[in-house]
PDB file of N, CA and C in Angstrom:
ATOM      1  N   MET A   1       0.844  -1.174   0.000  1.00  0.00           N
ATOM      2  CA  MET A   1       0.000   0.000   0.000  1.00  0.00           C
ATOM      3  C   MET A   1       0.893   1.243   0.000  1.00  0.00           C
ATOM      4  N   LYS A   2       0.548   2.216  -0.830  1.00  0.00           N
ATOM      5  CA  LYS A   2       1.329   3.449  -0.921  1.00  0.00           C
ATOM      6  C   LYS A   2       0.936   4.409   0.187  1.00  0.00           C
ATOM      7  N   SER A   3       1.885   5.214   0.576  1.00  0.00           N
ATOM      8  CA  SER A   3       1.591   6.280   1.530  1.00  0.00           C
ATOM      9  C   SER A   3       0.915   7.416   0.785  1.00  0.00           C
ATOM     10  N   ILE A   4      -0.118   7.949   1.375  1.00  0.00           N
ATOM     11  CA  ILE A   4      -0.833   9.078   0.786  1.00  0.00           C
ATOM     12  C   ILE A   4      -0.585  10.295   1.648  1.00  0.00           C
ATOM     13  N   ARG A   5      -0.201  11.376   1.007  1.00  0.00           N
ATOM     14  CA  ARG A   5       0.054  12.637   1.718  1.00  0.00           C
ATOM     15  C   ARG A   5      -0.931  13.678   1.223  1.00  0.00           C
ATOM     16  N   ASN A   6      -1.523  14.388   2.138  1.00  0.00           N
ATOM     17  CA  ASN A   6      -2.392  15.508   1.799  1.00  0.00           C
ATOM     18  C   ASN A   6      -1.649  16.794   2.109  1.00  0.00           C
ATOM     19  N   VAL A   7      -1.683  17.710   1.161  1.00  0.00           N
ATOM     20  CA  VAL A   7      -0.993  18.983   1.320  1.00  0.00           C
ATOM     21  C   VAL A   7      -1.955  20.096   0.937  1.00  0.00           C
ATOM     22  N   ALA A   8      -1.978  21.150   1.730  1.00  0.00           N
ATOM     23  CA  ALA A   8      -2.785  22.327   1.408  1.00  0.00           C
ATOM     24  C   ALA A   8      -1.852  23.476   1.060  1.00  0.00           C
ATOM     25  N   ILE A   9      -2.138  24.124  -0.048  1.00  0.00           N
ATOM     26  CA  ILE A   9      -1.348  25.278  -0.469  1.00  0.00           C
ATOM     27  C   ILE A   9      -2.299  26.463  -0.543  1.00  0.00           C
ATOM     28  N   ILE A  10      -2.050  27.431   0.307  1.00  0.00           N
ATOM     29  CA  ILE A  10      -2.914  28.605   0.375  1.00  0.00           C
ATOM     30  C   ILE A  10      -2.083  29.832   0.039  1.00  0.00           C
ATOM     31  N   ALA A  11      -2.502  30.555  -0.982  1.00  0.00           N
ATOM     32  CA  ALA A  11      -1.796  31.775  -1.376  1.00  0.00           C
ATOM     33  C   ALA A  11      -2.744  32.644  -2.185  1.00  0.00           C
ATOM     34  N   HIS A  12      -2.366  33.876  -2.340  1.00  0.00           N
ATOM     35  CA  HIS A  12      -3.164  34.828  -3.102  1.00  0.00           C
ATOM     36  C   HIS A  12      -3.099  34.484  -4.589  1.00  0.00           C
ATOM     37  N   VAL A  13      -3.992  35.048  -5.368  1.00  0.00           N
ATOM     38  CA  VAL A  13      -4.035  34.831  -6.810  1.00  0.00           C
ATOM     39  C   VAL A  13      -2.686  35.195  -7.435  1.00  0.00           C
ATOM     40  N   ASP A  14      -2.262  34.417  -8.412  1.00  0.00           N
ATOM     41  CA  ASP A  14      -1.026  34.664  -9.175  1.00  0.00           C
ATOM     42  C   ASP A  14       0.231  34.671  -8.314  1.00  0.00           C
ATOM     43  N   HIS A  15       0.304  33.767  -7.355  1.00  0.00           N
ATOM     44  CA  HIS A  15       1.516  33.671  -6.545  1.00  0.00           C
ATOM     45  C   HIS A  15       2.219  32.325  -6.711  1.00  0.00           C
ATOM     46  N   GLY A  16       1.930  31.606  -7.803  1.00  0.00           N
ATOM     47  CA  GLY A  16       2.695  30.413  -8.139  1.00  0.00           C
ATOM     48  C   GLY A  16       2.191  29.102  -7.568  1.00  0.00           C
ATOM     49  N   LYS A  17       0.938  29.041  -7.125  1.00  0.00           N
ATOM     50  CA  LYS A  17       0.403  27.791  -6.574  1.00  0.00           C
ATOM     51  C   LYS A  17       0.403  26.678  -7.613  1.00  0.00           C
ATOM     52  N   THR A  18      -0.074  26.983  -8.807  1.00  0.00           N
ATOM     53  CA  THR A  18      -0.150  25.976  -9.864  1.00  0.00           C
ATOM     54  C   THR A  18       1.238  25.503 -10.264  1.00  0.00           C
ATOM     55  N   THR A  19       2.162  26.419 -10.396  1.00  0.00           N
ATOM     56  CA  THR A  19       3.534  26.065 -10.751  1.00  0.00           C
ATOM     57  C   THR A  19       4.145  25.162  -9.686  1.00  0.00           C
ATOM     58  N   LEU A  20       3.922  25.492  -8.426  1.00  0.00           N
ATOM     59  CA  LEU A  20       4.446  24.681  -7.329  1.00  0.00           C
ATOM     60  C   LEU A  20       3.866  23.272  -7.361  1.00  0.00           C
ATOM     61  N   VAL A  21       2.559  23.157  -7.540  1.00  0.00           N
ATOM     62  CA  VAL A  21       1.914  21.839  -7.583  1.00  0.00           C
ATOM     63  C   VAL A  21       2.423  21.037  -8.777  1.00  0.00           C
ATOM     64  N   ASP A  22       2.566  21.671  -9.932  1.00  0.00           N
ATOM     65  CA  ASP A  22       3.089  20.970 -11.107  1.00  0.00           C
ATOM     66  C   ASP A  22       4.485  20.412 -10.850  1.00  0.00           C
ATOM     67  N   LYS A  23       5.339  21.205 -10.241  1.00  0.00           N
ATOM     68  CA  LYS A  23       6.708  20.753  -9.944  1.00  0.00           C
ATOM     69  C   LYS A  23       6.706  19.626  -8.909  1.00  0.00           C
ATOM     70  N   LEU A  24       5.832  19.721  -7.904  1.00  0.00           N
ATOM     71  CA  LEU A  24       5.728  18.652  -6.905  1.00  0.00           C
ATOM     72  C   LEU A  24       5.285  17.345  -7.559  1.00  0.00           C
ATOM     73  N   LEU A  25       4.319  17.425  -8.478  1.00  0.00           N
ATOM     74  CA  LEU A  25       3.852  16.228  -9.181  1.00  0.00           C
ATOM     75  C   LEU A  25       4.956  15.628 -10.044  1.00  0.00           C
ATOM     76  N   GLN A  26       5.728  16.474 -10.709  1.00  0.00           N
ATOM     77  CA  GLN A  26       6.841  15.980 -11.522  1.00  0.00           C
ATOM     78  C   GLN A  26       7.882  15.286 -10.662  1.00  0.00           C
ATOM     79  N   GLU A  27       8.245  15.890  -9.556  1.00  0.00           N
ATOM     80  CA  GLU A  27       9.256  15.309  -8.661  1.00  0.00           C
ATOM     81  C   GLU A  27       8.766  14.015  -8.023  1.00  0.00           C
ATOM     82  N   ALA A  28       7.457  13.900  -7.814  1.00  0.00           N
ATOM     83  CA  ALA A  28       6.892  12.695  -7.208  1.00  0.00           C
ATOM     84  C   ALA A  28       6.784  11.552  -8.213  1.00  0.00           C
ATOM     85  N   GLY A  29       7.041  11.846  -9.481  1.00  0.00           N
ATOM     86  CA  GLY A  29       6.993  10.796 -10.493  1.00  0.00           C
ATOM     87  C   GLY A  29       5.592  10.462 -10.958  1.00  0.00           C
ATOM     88  N   VAL A  30       4.686  11.411 -10.858  1.00  0.00           N
ATOM     89  CA  VAL A  30       3.302  11.181 -11.275  1.00  0.00           C
ATOM     90  C   VAL A  30       3.213  11.033 -12.792  1.00  0.00           C
ATOM     91  N   PHE A  31       4.039  11.776 -13.516  1.00  0.00           N
ATOM     92  CA  PHE A  31       4.021  11.741 -14.973  1.00  0.00           C
ATOM     93  C   PHE A  31       5.099  10.791 -15.475  1.00  0.00           C
ATOM     94  N   ARG A  32       4.764  10.026 -16.518  1.00  0.00           N
ATOM     95  CA  ARG A  32       5.755   9.138 -17.132  1.00  0.00           C
ATOM     96  C   ARG A  32       6.795   9.971 -17.879  1.00  0.00           C
ATOM     97  N   GLU A  33       7.983   9.439 -18.024  1.00  0.00           N
ATOM     98  CA  GLU A  33       9.050  10.178 -18.714  1.00  0.00           C
ATOM     99  C   GLU A  33       8.719  10.420 -20.177  1.00  0.00           C
ATOM    100  N   ASN A  34       7.998   9.479 -20.796  1.00  0.00           N
ATOM    101  CA  ASN A  34       7.647   9.645 -22.205  1.00  0.00           C
ATOM    102  C   ASN A  34       6.320  10.384 -22.380  1.00  0.00           C
ATOM    103  N   GLU A  35       5.716  10.803 -21.291  1.00  0.00           N
ATOM    104  CA  GLU A  35       4.425  11.494 -21.344  1.00  0.00           C
ATOM    105  C   GLU A  35       4.633  12.982 -21.627  1.00  0.00           C
ATOM    106  N   SER A  36       3.900  13.470 -22.601  1.00  0.00           N
ATOM    107  CA  SER A  36       3.972  14.890 -22.942  1.00  0.00           C
ATOM    108  C   SER A  36       2.919  15.637 -22.130  1.00  0.00           C
ATOM    109  N   ILE A  37       3.370  16.576 -21.298  1.00  0.00           N
ATOM    110  CA  ILE A  37       2.428  17.368 -20.508  1.00  0.00           C
ATOM    111  C   ILE A  37       2.586  18.833 -20.874  1.00  0.00           C
ATOM    112  N   GLN A  38       1.530  19.580 -20.623  1.00  0.00           N
ATOM    113  CA  GLN A  38       1.557  21.010 -20.913  1.00  0.00           C
ATOM    114  C   GLN A  38       2.456  21.713 -19.915  1.00  0.00           C
ATOM    115  N   ASP A  39       2.680  22.986 -20.176  1.00  0.00           N
ATOM    116  CA  ASP A  39       3.486  23.803 -19.274  1.00  0.00           C
ATOM    117  C   ASP A  39       2.917  23.782 -17.863  1.00  0.00           C
ATOM    118  N   ARG A  40       1.615  23.934 -17.764  1.00  0.00           N
ATOM    119  CA  ARG A  40       0.943  23.892 -16.466  1.00  0.00           C
ATOM    120  C   ARG A  40      -0.127  22.814 -16.513  1.00  0.00           C
ATOM    121  N   ALA A  41       0.175  21.653 -16.005  1.00  0.00           N
ATOM    122  CA  ALA A  41      -0.726  20.506 -16.085  1.00  0.00           C
ATOM    123  C   ALA A  41      -2.016  20.727 -15.304  1.00  0.00           C
ATOM    124  N   MET A  42      -1.959  21.504 -14.241  1.00  0.00           N
ATOM    125  CA  MET A  42      -3.135  21.693 -13.394  1.00  0.00           C
ATOM    126  C   MET A  42      -4.127  22.701 -13.971  1.00  0.00           C
ATOM    127  N   ASP A  43      -3.718  23.510 -14.939  1.00  0.00           N
ATOM    128  CA  ASP A  43      -4.625  24.473 -15.560  1.00  0.00           C
ATOM    129  C   ASP A  43      -5.349  23.796 -16.711  1.00  0.00           C
ATOM    130  N   SER A  44      -6.602  23.431 -16.496  1.00  0.00           N
ATOM    131  CA  SER A  44      -7.344  22.716 -17.529  1.00  0.00           C
ATOM    132  C   SER A  44      -8.279  23.619 -18.325  1.00  0.00           C
ATOM    133  N   MET A  45      -8.653  24.760 -17.779  1.00  0.00           N
ATOM    134  CA  MET A  45      -9.579  25.660 -18.463  1.00  0.00           C
ATOM    135  C   MET A  45      -8.805  26.748 -19.217  1.00  0.00           C
ATOM    136  N   ASP A  46      -9.372  27.211 -20.342  1.00  0.00           N
ATOM    137  CA  ASP A  46      -8.715  28.253 -21.141  1.00  0.00           C
ATOM    138  C   ASP A  46      -8.470  29.514 -20.329  1.00  0.00           C
ATOM    139  N   LEU A  47      -9.426  29.894 -19.489  1.00  0.00           N
ATOM    140  CA  LEU A  47      -9.290  31.100 -18.675  1.00  0.00           C
ATOM    141  C   LEU A  47      -8.089  30.995 -17.736  1.00  0.00           C
ATOM    142  N   GLU A  48      -7.857  29.800 -17.179  1.00  0.00           N
ATOM    143  CA  GLU A  48      -6.720  29.600 -16.279  1.00  0.00           C
ATOM    144  C   GLU A  48      -5.399  29.710 -17.032  1.00  0.00           C
ATOM    145  N   ARG A  49      -5.384  29.251 -18.279  1.00  0.00           N
ATOM    146  CA  ARG A  49      -4.147  29.264 -19.063  1.00  0.00           C
ATOM    147  C   ARG A  49      -3.772  30.656 -19.548  1.00  0.00           C
ATOM    148  N   GLU A  50      -4.738  31.572 -19.587  1.00  0.00           N
ATOM    149  CA  GLU A  50      -4.465  32.930 -20.062  1.00  0.00           C
ATOM    150  C   GLU A  50      -3.469  33.657 -19.174  1.00  0.00           C
ATOM    151  N   ARG A  51      -3.483  33.359 -17.895  1.00  0.00           N
ATOM    152  CA  ARG A  51      -2.676  34.116 -16.933  1.00  0.00           C
ATOM    153  C   ARG A  51      -1.223  33.852 -17.063  1.00  0.00           C
TER     154      ARG A  51
END
């Protein structure tokens, strides 16, 4: 059984929360090495990607 960790990230708008989560996911090995991911994997809506 894998260990599950819950983390809360609280910050104001445009202070790098998405970037931090994306980097944490990459370091944790969530994405395969041959998997192509967007610049910001957590931003799924067009409005979120505009920023």
